[in-house]
Amino acid sequence: MYFDISAAATSKGEWWSRKKDKEYMPIFSKDHPPLVEFVKNLGYLDADLKATEQSKVLALSLDKIREAFEGTRPEYVIWGALIALLSIIFTSKIFK
């Protein structure tokens, strides 16, 4: 909601007041015509967009990685990947 706030002393001793002016952002549905047009103009929504072969391969690869780490806690995976990366960088600089 959008409120008009005025900072003037009132007779009740209040130093500011507000009154509802209008809706700041109305409620949208997913098929609201102005919203759909706005998203299309931004280039995020294109009905003719098809999944490419490359994105299917990427999706399958990510699914396999998720399956491999399914029972592992996420922070262990992140710390393990970070330590592995730092180890590779460190050893590549030492044995150069």
N, C-alpha and C. Protein backbone atom coordinates (compact mmCIF):
# COMPACT_ATOMS: atom_id res chain seq x y z
N MET A 1 0.82 -1.17 0.00
CA MET A 1 0.00 0.00 0.00
C MET A 1 0.88 1.24 0.00
N TYR A 2 0.37 2.28 -0.56
CA TYR A 2 1.10 3.54 -0.63
C TYR A 2 0.42 4.51 0.31
N PHE A 3 1.17 5.08 1.24
CA PHE A 3 0.62 6.00 2.22
C PHE A 3 1.20 7.39 2.02
N ASP A 4 0.37 8.39 2.29
CA ASP A 4 0.83 9.77 2.30
C ASP A 4 1.15 10.11 3.74
N ILE A 5 2.41 10.40 4.02
CA ILE A 5 2.85 10.67 5.38
C ILE A 5 3.14 12.16 5.51
N SER A 6 2.54 12.77 6.51
CA SER A 6 2.80 14.18 6.75
C SER A 6 3.38 14.35 8.16
N ALA A 7 4.37 15.20 8.26
CA ALA A 7 5.05 15.43 9.53
C ALA A 7 4.62 16.76 10.12
N ALA A 8 3.41 16.82 10.58
CA ALA A 8 2.90 18.04 11.19
C ALA A 8 2.29 17.68 12.54
N ALA A 9 2.48 18.55 13.49
CA ALA A 9 1.93 18.30 14.82
C ALA A 9 0.41 18.43 14.78
N THR A 10 -0.26 17.53 15.47
CA THR A 10 -1.72 17.58 15.52
C THR A 10 -2.15 18.01 16.92
N SER A 11 -3.44 18.18 17.08
CA SER A 11 -3.96 18.61 18.38
C SER A 11 -3.85 17.49 19.42
N LYS A 12 -3.72 16.25 18.98
CA LYS A 12 -3.61 15.12 19.90
C LYS A 12 -2.17 14.90 20.36
N GLY A 13 -1.25 15.72 19.90
CA GLY A 13 0.14 15.57 20.29
C GLY A 13 0.94 14.64 19.40
N GLU A 14 0.32 14.11 18.37
CA GLU A 14 1.04 13.25 17.44
C GLU A 14 1.83 14.14 16.48
N TRP A 15 3.06 13.76 16.17
CA TRP A 15 3.88 14.62 15.31
C TRP A 15 3.90 14.17 13.85
N TRP A 16 3.28 13.02 13.54
CA TRP A 16 3.15 12.63 12.15
C TRP A 16 1.87 11.82 11.98
N SER A 17 1.38 11.80 10.78
CA SER A 17 0.18 11.01 10.49
C SER A 17 0.30 10.44 9.08
N ARG A 18 -0.47 9.43 8.81
CA ARG A 18 -0.48 8.85 7.48
C ARG A 18 -1.91 8.50 7.08
N LYS A 19 -2.15 8.56 5.79
CA LYS A 19 -3.45 8.15 5.27
C LYS A 19 -3.21 7.34 4.01
N LYS A 20 -4.07 6.34 3.81
CA LYS A 20 -3.93 5.47 2.64
C LYS A 20 -4.25 6.27 1.39
N ASP A 21 -3.29 6.29 0.46
CA ASP A 21 -3.47 7.07 -0.76
C ASP A 21 -3.97 6.17 -1.89
N LYS A 22 -3.23 5.09 -2.15
CA LYS A 22 -3.62 4.17 -3.22
C LYS A 22 -2.81 2.89 -3.06
N GLU A 23 -3.12 1.90 -3.87
CA GLU A 23 -2.35 0.66 -3.88
C GLU A 23 -0.99 0.93 -4.51
N TYR A 24 0.08 0.50 -3.85
CA TYR A 24 1.42 0.69 -4.39
C TYR A 24 1.69 -0.31 -5.51
N MET A 25 1.35 -1.56 -5.29
CA MET A 25 1.50 -2.58 -6.32
C MET A 25 0.29 -3.49 -6.25
N PRO A 26 -0.51 -3.49 -7.29
CA PRO A 26 -1.70 -4.33 -7.27
C PRO A 26 -1.33 -5.82 -7.34
N ILE A 27 -2.27 -6.66 -7.02
CA ILE A 27 -2.06 -8.11 -7.08
C ILE A 27 -2.13 -8.55 -8.54
N PHE A 28 -1.14 -9.37 -8.94
CA PHE A 28 -1.07 -9.87 -10.31
C PHE A 28 -1.33 -11.37 -10.32
N SER A 29 -1.92 -11.84 -11.40
CA SER A 29 -1.98 -13.28 -11.65
C SER A 29 -0.99 -13.59 -12.75
N LYS A 30 -0.68 -14.87 -12.96
CA LYS A 30 0.35 -15.21 -13.94
C LYS A 30 -0.06 -14.88 -15.37
N ASP A 31 -1.35 -14.71 -15.63
CA ASP A 31 -1.78 -14.37 -16.98
C ASP A 31 -2.39 -12.96 -17.06
N HIS A 32 -1.96 -12.08 -16.16
CA HIS A 32 -2.40 -10.68 -16.15
C HIS A 32 -1.81 -10.00 -17.39
N PRO A 33 -2.62 -9.50 -18.34
CA PRO A 33 -2.11 -8.99 -19.62
C PRO A 33 -1.00 -7.94 -19.52
N PRO A 34 -1.11 -6.90 -18.68
CA PRO A 34 0.00 -5.95 -18.61
C PRO A 34 1.31 -6.58 -18.09
N LEU A 35 1.18 -7.50 -17.14
CA LEU A 35 2.37 -8.17 -16.61
C LEU A 35 3.01 -9.06 -17.66
N VAL A 36 2.21 -9.81 -18.39
CA VAL A 36 2.73 -10.69 -19.44
C VAL A 36 3.42 -9.86 -20.52
N GLU A 37 2.83 -8.76 -20.90
CA GLU A 37 3.42 -7.89 -21.92
C GLU A 37 4.75 -7.30 -21.44
N PHE A 38 4.78 -6.89 -20.17
CA PHE A 38 6.01 -6.33 -19.61
C PHE A 38 7.13 -7.37 -19.61
N VAL A 39 6.83 -8.59 -19.20
CA VAL A 39 7.84 -9.65 -19.16
C VAL A 39 8.28 -10.03 -20.57
N LYS A 40 7.36 -10.01 -21.53
CA LYS A 40 7.74 -10.28 -22.92
C LYS A 40 8.66 -9.20 -23.45
N ASN A 41 8.39 -7.95 -23.11
CA ASN A 41 9.24 -6.84 -23.55
C ASN A 41 10.65 -6.93 -22.97
N LEU A 42 10.77 -7.50 -21.78
CA LEU A 42 12.08 -7.70 -21.17
C LEU A 42 12.84 -8.86 -21.82
N GLY A 43 12.13 -9.69 -22.57
CA GLY A 43 12.76 -10.82 -23.25
C GLY A 43 12.83 -12.09 -22.42
N TYR A 44 12.11 -12.14 -21.29
CA TYR A 44 12.14 -13.33 -20.45
C TYR A 44 11.08 -14.35 -20.83
N LEU A 45 10.11 -13.96 -21.58
CA LEU A 45 9.01 -14.85 -21.90
C LEU A 45 8.88 -14.93 -23.42
N ASP A 46 9.09 -16.12 -23.93
CA ASP A 46 8.97 -16.33 -25.37
C ASP A 46 8.33 -17.69 -25.58
N ALA A 47 7.14 -17.73 -26.15
CA ALA A 47 6.41 -18.97 -26.34
C ALA A 47 7.12 -19.90 -27.32
N ASP A 48 7.91 -19.34 -28.23
CA ASP A 48 8.56 -20.15 -29.25
C ASP A 48 9.90 -20.72 -28.78
N LEU A 49 10.30 -20.43 -27.57
CA LEU A 49 11.59 -20.87 -27.07
C LEU A 49 11.55 -22.35 -26.75
N LYS A 50 12.42 -23.12 -27.36
CA LYS A 50 12.50 -24.56 -27.16
C LYS A 50 13.79 -24.88 -26.41
N ALA A 51 13.77 -25.97 -25.65
CA ALA A 51 14.97 -26.41 -24.96
C ALA A 51 15.97 -26.91 -25.99
N THR A 52 17.18 -26.45 -25.91
CA THR A 52 18.20 -26.88 -26.85
C THR A 52 18.83 -28.17 -26.37
N GLU A 53 19.52 -28.82 -27.25
CA GLU A 53 20.19 -30.07 -26.93
C GLU A 53 21.24 -29.83 -25.83
N GLN A 54 21.90 -28.69 -25.88
CA GLN A 54 22.92 -28.37 -24.90
C GLN A 54 22.32 -28.24 -23.50
N SER A 55 21.15 -27.62 -23.40
CA SER A 55 20.54 -27.45 -22.08
C SER A 55 20.04 -28.79 -21.54
N LYS A 56 19.66 -29.72 -22.43
CA LYS A 56 19.24 -31.05 -21.98
C LYS A 56 20.43 -31.81 -21.40
N VAL A 57 21.59 -31.68 -22.05
CA VAL A 57 22.79 -32.34 -21.55
C VAL A 57 23.18 -31.76 -20.20
N LEU A 58 23.11 -30.46 -20.07
CA LEU A 58 23.43 -29.80 -18.80
C LEU A 58 22.47 -30.25 -17.70
N ALA A 59 21.18 -30.32 -18.03
CA ALA A 59 20.19 -30.75 -17.04
C ALA A 59 20.44 -32.18 -16.60
N LEU A 60 20.77 -33.07 -17.54
CA LEU A 60 21.06 -34.45 -17.18
C LEU A 60 22.31 -34.55 -16.33
N SER A 61 23.32 -33.76 -16.66
CA SER A 61 24.56 -33.76 -15.88
C SER A 61 24.31 -33.29 -14.45
N LEU A 62 23.56 -32.21 -14.30
CA LEU A 62 23.25 -31.70 -12.96
C LEU A 62 22.40 -32.69 -12.16
N ASP A 63 21.49 -33.39 -12.84
CA ASP A 63 20.69 -34.42 -12.16
C ASP A 63 21.58 -35.54 -11.64
N LYS A 64 22.57 -35.96 -12.42
CA LYS A 64 23.50 -37.01 -11.98
C LYS A 64 24.33 -36.55 -10.79
N ILE A 65 24.77 -35.30 -10.81
CA ILE A 65 25.53 -34.77 -9.68
C ILE A 65 24.66 -34.72 -8.42
N ARG A 66 23.41 -34.31 -8.58
CA ARG A 66 22.49 -34.27 -7.43
C ARG A 66 22.27 -35.67 -6.86
N GLU A 67 22.13 -36.66 -7.76
CA GLU A 67 21.94 -38.04 -7.30
C GLU A 67 23.16 -38.52 -6.53
N ALA A 68 24.35 -38.15 -6.98
CA ALA A 68 25.58 -38.61 -6.34
C ALA A 68 25.71 -38.04 -4.92
N PHE A 69 25.25 -36.83 -4.70
CA PHE A 69 25.39 -36.18 -3.40
C PHE A 69 24.08 -36.11 -2.62
N GLU A 70 23.14 -36.96 -2.95
CA GLU A 70 21.81 -36.86 -2.37
C GLU A 70 21.81 -37.04 -0.85
N GLY A 71 22.60 -37.97 -0.33
CA GLY A 71 22.58 -38.21 1.12
C GLY A 71 23.58 -37.38 1.90
N THR A 72 24.33 -36.53 1.22
CA THR A 72 25.39 -35.76 1.86
C THR A 72 24.86 -34.38 2.25
N ARG A 73 25.35 -33.90 3.37
CA ARG A 73 24.95 -32.56 3.80
C ARG A 73 25.57 -31.52 2.86
N PRO A 74 24.82 -30.50 2.47
CA PRO A 74 25.30 -29.51 1.49
C PRO A 74 26.57 -28.78 1.91
N GLU A 75 26.70 -28.48 3.19
CA GLU A 75 27.90 -27.74 3.60
C GLU A 75 29.16 -28.58 3.44
N TYR A 76 29.05 -29.91 3.58
CA TYR A 76 30.21 -30.79 3.36
C TYR A 76 30.62 -30.77 1.89
N VAL A 77 29.64 -30.77 1.01
CA VAL A 77 29.94 -30.73 -0.43
C VAL A 77 30.62 -29.42 -0.79
N ILE A 78 30.10 -28.31 -0.29
CA ILE A 78 30.67 -26.99 -0.60
C ILE A 78 32.08 -26.87 -0.05
N TRP A 79 32.29 -27.26 1.22
CA TRP A 79 33.63 -27.18 1.81
C TRP A 79 34.59 -28.13 1.10
N GLY A 80 34.12 -29.30 0.74
CA GLY A 80 34.97 -30.25 0.02
C GLY A 80 35.40 -29.71 -1.33
N ALA A 81 34.46 -29.11 -2.06
CA ALA A 81 34.79 -28.54 -3.37
C ALA A 81 35.76 -27.37 -3.22
N LEU A 82 35.56 -26.55 -2.21
CA LEU A 82 36.45 -25.41 -1.97
C LEU A 82 37.86 -25.88 -1.62
N ILE A 83 37.97 -26.86 -0.75
CA ILE A 83 39.28 -27.39 -0.37
C ILE A 83 39.97 -28.03 -1.56
N ALA A 84 39.21 -28.77 -2.38
CA ALA A 84 39.79 -29.39 -3.57
C ALA A 84 40.29 -28.33 -4.54
N LEU A 85 39.53 -27.28 -4.75
CA LEU A 85 39.94 -26.21 -5.65
C LEU A 85 41.19 -25.51 -5.15
N LEU A 86 41.22 -25.19 -3.87
CA LEU A 86 42.39 -24.53 -3.30
C LEU A 86 43.62 -25.44 -3.35
N SER A 87 43.41 -26.73 -3.15
CA SER A 87 44.53 -27.67 -3.24
C SER A 87 45.10 -27.72 -4.64
N ILE A 88 44.23 -27.72 -5.63
CA ILE A 88 44.69 -27.73 -7.03
C ILE A 88 45.46 -26.45 -7.34
N ILE A 89 44.94 -25.33 -6.93
CA ILE A 89 45.62 -24.05 -7.19
C ILE A 89 46.97 -24.01 -6.49
N PHE A 90 47.02 -24.42 -5.21
CA PHE A 90 48.25 -24.38 -4.43
C PHE A 90 49.30 -25.31 -5.03
N THR A 91 48.93 -26.54 -5.35
CA THR A 91 49.92 -27.49 -5.90
C THR A 91 50.35 -27.12 -7.30
N SER A 92 49.49 -26.48 -8.06
CA SER A 92 49.91 -26.08 -9.41
C SER A 92 50.94 -24.95 -9.35
N LYS A 93 50.86 -24.13 -8.32
CA LYS A 93 51.85 -23.05 -8.18
C LYS A 93 53.17 -23.59 -7.62
N ILE A 94 53.12 -24.60 -6.77
CA ILE A 94 54.34 -25.16 -6.20
C ILE A 94 55.13 -25.94 -7.26
N PHE A 95 54.45 -26.76 -8.03
CA PHE A 95 55.13 -27.64 -8.98
C PHE A 95 55.16 -27.07 -10.39
N LYS A 96 55.21 -25.80 -10.51
CA LYS A 96 55.24 -25.15 -11.82
C LYS A 96 56.59 -25.16 -12.42
